[in-house]
Amino acid sequence: MKRIGIISDTHSHWDPKYVQYFESCDEIWHAGDICSVELAERLGEIRPLRAVCGNCDGGELRRMFPEVLRWKCEDVDVLMKHIGGYPGRYDPSIRAQIFARPPQLFISGHSHILKVKYDKALNLLHINPGAAGLQGWQKERTIVRLTIEGNKFTDCEVITLGNRNNVIP
């Protein structure tokens, strides 16, 4: 059994709540637009970090993290890409890979739109944790926690970190 913390679009913003919500997790998965090596390192100090680079991530982060990441967590095939779209509207950059060999869990970021949606046609769960940073148009900053046991997903939680405009540094 693994407890996973899923985050995206931090855009260099550190929030002490990351520690509060992720210290009970086994791993943290970041779906891109980290924008700061220091932030990636701080997240990795909480728990082991898996991440993909996003369109706003610079050279050093692109050397640290791939654009697409695929791995097994427990018995679940996981695919993560920053710009991925969502069920019914997958991004052309990943669509062929998803359709050729659908993962059981697809994680993306980029849109800043929180979405947890099951794709019945491909039999996969899609998660976009929304945006945890201050950049963008989202009103609320969000992350997701999820438990994976064998090939089952349980305890999926959407966590609101607060309003994007009312953050205490």
C-alpha atoms as a PDB file:
ATOM      1  CA  MET A   1       0.000   0.000   0.000  1.00  0.00           C
ATOM      2  CA  LYS A   2       1.307   3.440  -0.947  1.00  0.00           C
ATOM      3  CA  ARG A   3      -0.046   6.839   0.014  1.00  0.00           C
ATOM      4  CA  ILE A   4       0.684   9.374  -2.716  1.00  0.00           C
ATOM      5  CA  GLY A   5       0.668  13.177  -2.650  1.00  0.00           C
ATOM      6  CA  ILE A   6       0.002  14.724  -6.070  1.00  0.00           C
ATOM      7  CA  ILE A   7       0.849  18.340  -6.827  1.00  0.00           C
ATOM      8  CA  SER A   8       1.324  20.528  -9.886  1.00  0.00           C
ATOM      9  CA  ASP A   9       1.954  24.067 -11.034  1.00  0.00           C
ATOM     10  CA  THR A  10       3.738  25.338  -7.935  1.00  0.00           C
ATOM     11  CA  HIS A  11       5.552  27.982 -10.012  1.00  0.00           C
ATOM     12  CA  SER A  12       8.302  28.304  -7.343  1.00  0.00           C
ATOM     13  CA  HIS A  13       5.818  28.866  -4.516  1.00  0.00           C
ATOM     14  CA  TRP A  14       6.660  27.121  -1.240  1.00  0.00           C
ATOM     15  CA  ASP A  15       3.820  26.569   1.212  1.00  0.00           C
ATOM     16  CA  PRO A  16       4.482  25.042   4.675  1.00  0.00           C
ATOM     17  CA  LYS A  17       1.211  23.147   4.188  1.00  0.00           C
ATOM     18  CA  TYR A  18       3.074  20.900   1.722  1.00  0.00           C
ATOM     19  CA  VAL A  19       4.853  19.384   4.729  1.00  0.00           C
ATOM     20  CA  GLN A  20       1.617  19.100   6.702  1.00  0.00           C
ATOM     21  CA  TYR A  21      -0.216  17.227   3.950  1.00  0.00           C
ATOM     22  CA  PHE A  22       2.622  15.230   2.394  1.00  0.00           C
ATOM     23  CA  GLU A  23       4.561  13.985   5.435  1.00  0.00           C
ATOM     24  CA  SER A  24       2.030  11.158   5.830  1.00  0.00           C
ATOM     25  CA  CYS A  25       2.603  10.094   2.206  1.00  0.00           C
ATOM     26  CA  ASP A  26       5.095   7.557   0.885  1.00  0.00           C
ATOM     27  CA  GLU A  27       5.873   9.587  -2.244  1.00  0.00           C
ATOM     28  CA  ILE A  28       5.158  12.983  -3.800  1.00  0.00           C
ATOM     29  CA  TRP A  29       4.381  13.219  -7.507  1.00  0.00           C
ATOM     30  CA  HIS A  30       4.737  16.635  -9.168  1.00  0.00           C
ATOM     31  CA  ALA A  31       3.071  17.080 -12.570  1.00  0.00           C
ATOM     32  CA  GLY A  32       5.293  19.933 -13.747  1.00  0.00           C
ATOM     33  CA  ASP A  33       5.838  23.681 -13.656  1.00  0.00           C
ATOM     34  CA  ILE A  34       7.929  23.363 -10.519  1.00  0.00           C
ATOM     35  CA  CYS A  35       9.960  26.393 -11.671  1.00  0.00           C
ATOM     36  CA  SER A  36      12.549  26.136  -8.881  1.00  0.00           C
ATOM     37  CA  VAL A  37      15.255  23.572  -8.174  1.00  0.00           C
ATOM     38  CA  GLU A  38      15.112  24.642  -4.510  1.00  0.00           C
ATOM     39  CA  LEU A  39      11.386  23.853  -4.377  1.00  0.00           C
ATOM     40  CA  ALA A  40      11.970  20.407  -5.929  1.00  0.00           C
ATOM     41  CA  GLU A  41      14.689  19.720  -3.359  1.00  0.00           C
ATOM     42  CA  ARG A  42      12.460  20.841  -0.465  1.00  0.00           C
ATOM     43  CA  LEU A  43       9.637  18.573  -1.641  1.00  0.00           C
ATOM     44  CA  GLY A  44      12.156  15.730  -1.937  1.00  0.00           C
ATOM     45  CA  GLU A  45      13.161  16.303   1.688  1.00  0.00           C
ATOM     46  CA  ILE A  46       9.567  15.621   2.791  1.00  0.00           C
ATOM     47  CA  ARG A  47       9.218  12.372   0.840  1.00  0.00           C
ATOM     48  CA  PRO A  48      10.755  10.838  -2.322  1.00  0.00           C
ATOM     49  CA  LEU A  49       9.796  12.992  -5.320  1.00  0.00           C
ATOM     50  CA  ARG A  50       8.823  11.839  -8.810  1.00  0.00           C
ATOM     51  CA  ALA A  51       8.276  14.685 -11.234  1.00  0.00           C
ATOM     52  CA  VAL A  52       8.000  15.715 -14.850  1.00  0.00           C
ATOM     53  CA  CYS A  53       9.107  19.034 -16.249  1.00  0.00           C
ATOM     54  CA  GLY A  54       6.507  21.509 -17.384  1.00  0.00           C
ATOM     55  CA  ASN A  55       6.453  24.170 -20.072  1.00  0.00           C
ATOM     56  CA  CYS A  56       7.652  26.815 -17.575  1.00  0.00           C
ATOM     57  CA  ASP A  57      10.524  24.722 -16.182  1.00  0.00           C
ATOM     58  CA  GLY A  58      14.029  25.791 -17.159  1.00  0.00           C
ATOM     59  CA  GLY A  59      17.152  23.925 -18.172  1.00  0.00           C
ATOM     60  CA  GLU A  60      18.259  22.549 -14.820  1.00  0.00           C
ATOM     61  CA  LEU A  61      14.793  21.167 -14.004  1.00  0.00           C
ATOM     62  CA  ARG A  62      14.627  19.702 -17.525  1.00  0.00           C
ATOM     63  CA  ARG A  63      17.872  17.869 -16.808  1.00  0.00           C
ATOM     64  CA  MET A  64      16.505  16.628 -13.465  1.00  0.00           C
ATOM     65  CA  PHE A  65      13.076  15.492 -14.665  1.00  0.00           C
ATOM     66  CA  PRO A  66      11.776  14.044 -17.951  1.00  0.00           C
ATOM     67  CA  GLU A  67       8.861  15.382 -19.963  1.00  0.00           C
ATOM     68  CA  VAL A  68       7.016  12.050 -19.683  1.00  0.00           C
ATOM     69  CA  LEU A  69       7.333   9.530 -16.876  1.00  0.00           C
ATOM     70  CA  ARG A  70       5.867   6.027 -16.785  1.00  0.00           C
ATOM     71  CA  TRP A  71       6.295   3.557 -13.917  1.00  0.00           C
ATOM     72  CA  LYS A  72       4.552   0.989 -11.749  1.00  0.00           C
ATOM     73  CA  CYS A  73       3.222   1.905  -8.313  1.00  0.00           C
ATOM     74  CA  GLU A  74       2.087  -1.240  -6.563  1.00  0.00           C
ATOM     75  CA  ASP A  75       0.258  -2.999  -9.448  1.00  0.00           C
ATOM     76  CA  VAL A  76      -0.835   0.222 -11.167  1.00  0.00           C
ATOM     77  CA  ASP A  77       0.668   1.442 -14.443  1.00  0.00           C
ATOM     78  CA  VAL A  78       1.129   5.218 -14.017  1.00  0.00           C
ATOM     79  CA  LEU A  79       1.757   7.787 -16.755  1.00  0.00           C
ATOM     80  CA  MET A  80       2.510  11.445 -15.972  1.00  0.00           C
ATOM     81  CA  LYS A  81       2.973  14.421 -18.314  1.00  0.00           C
ATOM     82  CA  HIS A  82       2.533  18.115 -17.612  1.00  0.00           C
ATOM     83  CA  ILE A  83       0.456  18.966 -20.684  1.00  0.00           C
ATOM     84  CA  GLY A  84      -1.852  15.990 -21.030  1.00  0.00           C
ATOM     85  CA  GLY A  85      -5.409  17.129 -21.486  1.00  0.00           C
ATOM     86  CA  TYR A  86      -8.158  15.013 -19.993  1.00  0.00           C
ATOM     87  CA  PRO A  87     -10.577  12.206 -20.934  1.00  0.00           C
ATOM     88  CA  GLY A  88     -12.170  12.917 -24.283  1.00  0.00           C
ATOM     89  CA  ARG A  89      -9.609  15.673 -24.968  1.00  0.00           C
ATOM     90  CA  TYR A  90      -6.105  14.281 -24.464  1.00  0.00           C
ATOM     91  CA  ASP A  91      -3.333  16.530 -25.717  1.00  0.00           C
ATOM     92  CA  PRO A  92      -1.952  15.516 -29.144  1.00  0.00           C
ATOM     93  CA  SER A  93       1.546  15.234 -27.611  1.00  0.00           C
ATOM     94  CA  ILE A  94       0.495  12.224 -25.479  1.00  0.00           C
ATOM     95  CA  ARG A  95      -2.732  10.954 -27.093  1.00  0.00           C
ATOM     96  CA  ALA A  96      -1.100   8.246 -29.247  1.00  0.00           C
ATOM     97  CA  GLN A  97       0.824   6.853 -26.256  1.00  0.00           C
ATOM     98  CA  ILE A  98      -2.313   6.792 -24.101  1.00  0.00           C
ATOM     99  CA  PHE A  99      -4.394   5.043 -26.762  1.00  0.00           C
ATOM    100  CA  ALA A 100      -1.652   2.567 -27.771  1.00  0.00           C
ATOM    101  CA  ARG A 101      -1.146   1.365 -24.202  1.00  0.00           C
ATOM    102  CA  PRO A 102      -3.560   2.992 -21.748  1.00  0.00           C
ATOM    103  CA  PRO A 103      -2.179   3.401 -18.236  1.00  0.00           C
ATOM    104  CA  GLN A 104      -4.433   2.746 -15.263  1.00  0.00           C
ATOM    105  CA  LEU A 105      -3.606   6.190 -13.851  1.00  0.00           C
ATOM    106  CA  PHE A 106      -2.830   9.279 -15.927  1.00  0.00           C
ATOM    107  CA  ILE A 107      -1.656  12.421 -14.157  1.00  0.00           C
ATOM    108  CA  SER A 108      -1.303  15.820 -15.765  1.00  0.00           C
ATOM    109  CA  GLY A 109      -1.160  19.463 -14.777  1.00  0.00           C
ATOM    110  CA  HIS A 110      -0.870  22.672 -16.824  1.00  0.00           C
ATOM    111  CA  SER A 111      -4.522  23.768 -16.945  1.00  0.00           C
ATOM    112  CA  HIS A 112      -4.665  24.772 -13.244  1.00  0.00           C
ATOM    113  CA  ILE A 113      -8.067  23.045 -13.305  1.00  0.00           C
ATOM    114  CA  LEU A 114      -8.595  20.434 -10.594  1.00  0.00           C
ATOM    115  CA  LYS A 115     -10.041  17.319 -12.183  1.00  0.00           C
ATOM    116  CA  VAL A 116     -10.429  13.736 -10.986  1.00  0.00           C
ATOM    117  CA  LYS A 117     -12.227  11.864 -13.724  1.00  0.00           C
ATOM    118  CA  TYR A 118     -12.587   8.247 -14.772  1.00  0.00           C
ATOM    119  CA  ASP A 119     -12.175   7.505 -18.485  1.00  0.00           C
ATOM    120  CA  LYS A 120     -14.595   4.640 -19.110  1.00  0.00           C
ATOM    121  CA  ALA A 121     -13.481   4.178 -22.720  1.00  0.00           C
ATOM    122  CA  LEU A 122      -9.844   3.545 -21.733  1.00  0.00           C
ATOM    123  CA  ASN A 123     -10.457   2.201 -18.225  1.00  0.00           C
ATOM    124  CA  LEU A 124      -8.152   4.725 -16.581  1.00  0.00           C
ATOM    125  CA  LEU A 125      -8.309   7.269 -13.791  1.00  0.00           C
ATOM    126  CA  HIS A 126      -7.191  10.769 -14.730  1.00  0.00           C
ATOM    127  CA  ILE A 127      -6.024  13.218 -12.069  1.00  0.00           C
ATOM    128  CA  ASN A 128      -5.068  16.840 -12.511  1.00  0.00           C
ATOM    129  CA  PRO A 129      -4.402  18.183  -8.988  1.00  0.00           C
ATOM    130  CA  GLY A 130      -5.022  21.775 -10.053  1.00  0.00           C
ATOM    131  CA  ALA A 131      -2.417  24.385  -9.143  1.00  0.00           C
ATOM    132  CA  ALA A 132      -0.641  24.723  -5.801  1.00  0.00           C
ATOM    133  CA  GLY A 133       1.176  27.939  -6.683  1.00  0.00           C
ATOM    134  CA  LEU A 134       0.210  31.581  -6.874  1.00  0.00           C
ATOM    135  CA  GLN A 135       0.515  32.072 -10.637  1.00  0.00           C
ATOM    136  CA  GLY A 136      -2.520  31.614 -12.842  1.00  0.00           C
ATOM    137  CA  TRP A 137      -6.192  32.361 -12.736  1.00  0.00           C
ATOM    138  CA  GLN A 138      -7.358  29.652 -10.297  1.00  0.00           C
ATOM    139  CA  LYS A 139      -9.070  30.962  -7.184  1.00  0.00           C
ATOM    140  CA  GLU A 140      -8.164  28.064  -4.893  1.00  0.00           C
ATOM    141  CA  ARG A 141      -4.806  26.302  -4.601  1.00  0.00           C
ATOM    142  CA  THR A 142      -5.251  22.529  -4.522  1.00  0.00           C
ATOM    143  CA  ILE A 143      -3.408  19.214  -4.177  1.00  0.00           C
ATOM    144  CA  VAL A 144      -4.600  15.605  -4.157  1.00  0.00           C
ATOM    145  CA  ARG A 145      -3.787  12.616  -1.961  1.00  0.00           C
ATOM    146  CA  LEU A 146      -4.513   9.056  -3.003  1.00  0.00           C
ATOM    147  CA  THR A 147      -3.853   5.558  -1.714  1.00  0.00           C
ATOM    148  CA  ILE A 148      -2.850   2.800  -4.118  1.00  0.00           C
ATOM    149  CA  GLU A 149      -3.116  -0.755  -2.856  1.00  0.00           C
ATOM    150  CA  GLY A 150      -2.401  -3.444  -5.409  1.00  0.00           C
ATOM    151  CA  ASN A 151      -4.414  -2.270  -8.404  1.00  0.00           C
ATOM    152  CA  LYS A 152      -7.026  -0.335  -6.390  1.00  0.00           C
ATOM    153  CA  PHE A 153      -7.372   3.379  -5.685  1.00  0.00           C
ATOM    154  CA  THR A 154      -8.807   4.441  -2.333  1.00  0.00           C
ATOM    155  CA  ASP A 155      -8.977   7.457  -0.053  1.00  0.00           C
ATOM    156  CA  CYS A 156      -8.765  10.023  -2.854  1.00  0.00           C
ATOM    157  CA  GLU A 157      -8.789  13.463  -1.222  1.00  0.00           C
ATOM    158  CA  VAL A 158      -8.843  16.914  -2.742  1.00  0.00           C
ATOM    159  CA  ILE A 159      -7.135  19.339  -0.384  1.00  0.00           C
ATOM    160  CA  THR A 160      -7.617  23.078  -0.671  1.00  0.00           C
ATOM    161  CA  LEU A 161      -4.522  24.953   0.462  1.00  0.00           C
ATOM    162  CA  GLY A 162      -6.245  28.323   0.435  1.00  0.00           C
ATOM    163  CA  ASN A 163      -7.142  31.215  -1.780  1.00  0.00           C
ATOM    164  CA  ARG A 164      -4.503  32.158  -4.345  1.00  0.00           C
ATOM    165  CA  ASN A 165      -4.778  35.838  -3.463  1.00  0.00           C
ATOM    166  CA  ASN A 166      -4.621  35.556   0.339  1.00  0.00           C
ATOM    167  CA  VAL A 167      -1.334  33.832   1.065  1.00  0.00           C
ATOM    168  CA  ILE A 168       0.833  34.565   4.059  1.00  0.00           C
ATOM    169  CA  PRO A 169       4.508  34.142   3.027  1.00  0.00           C
END
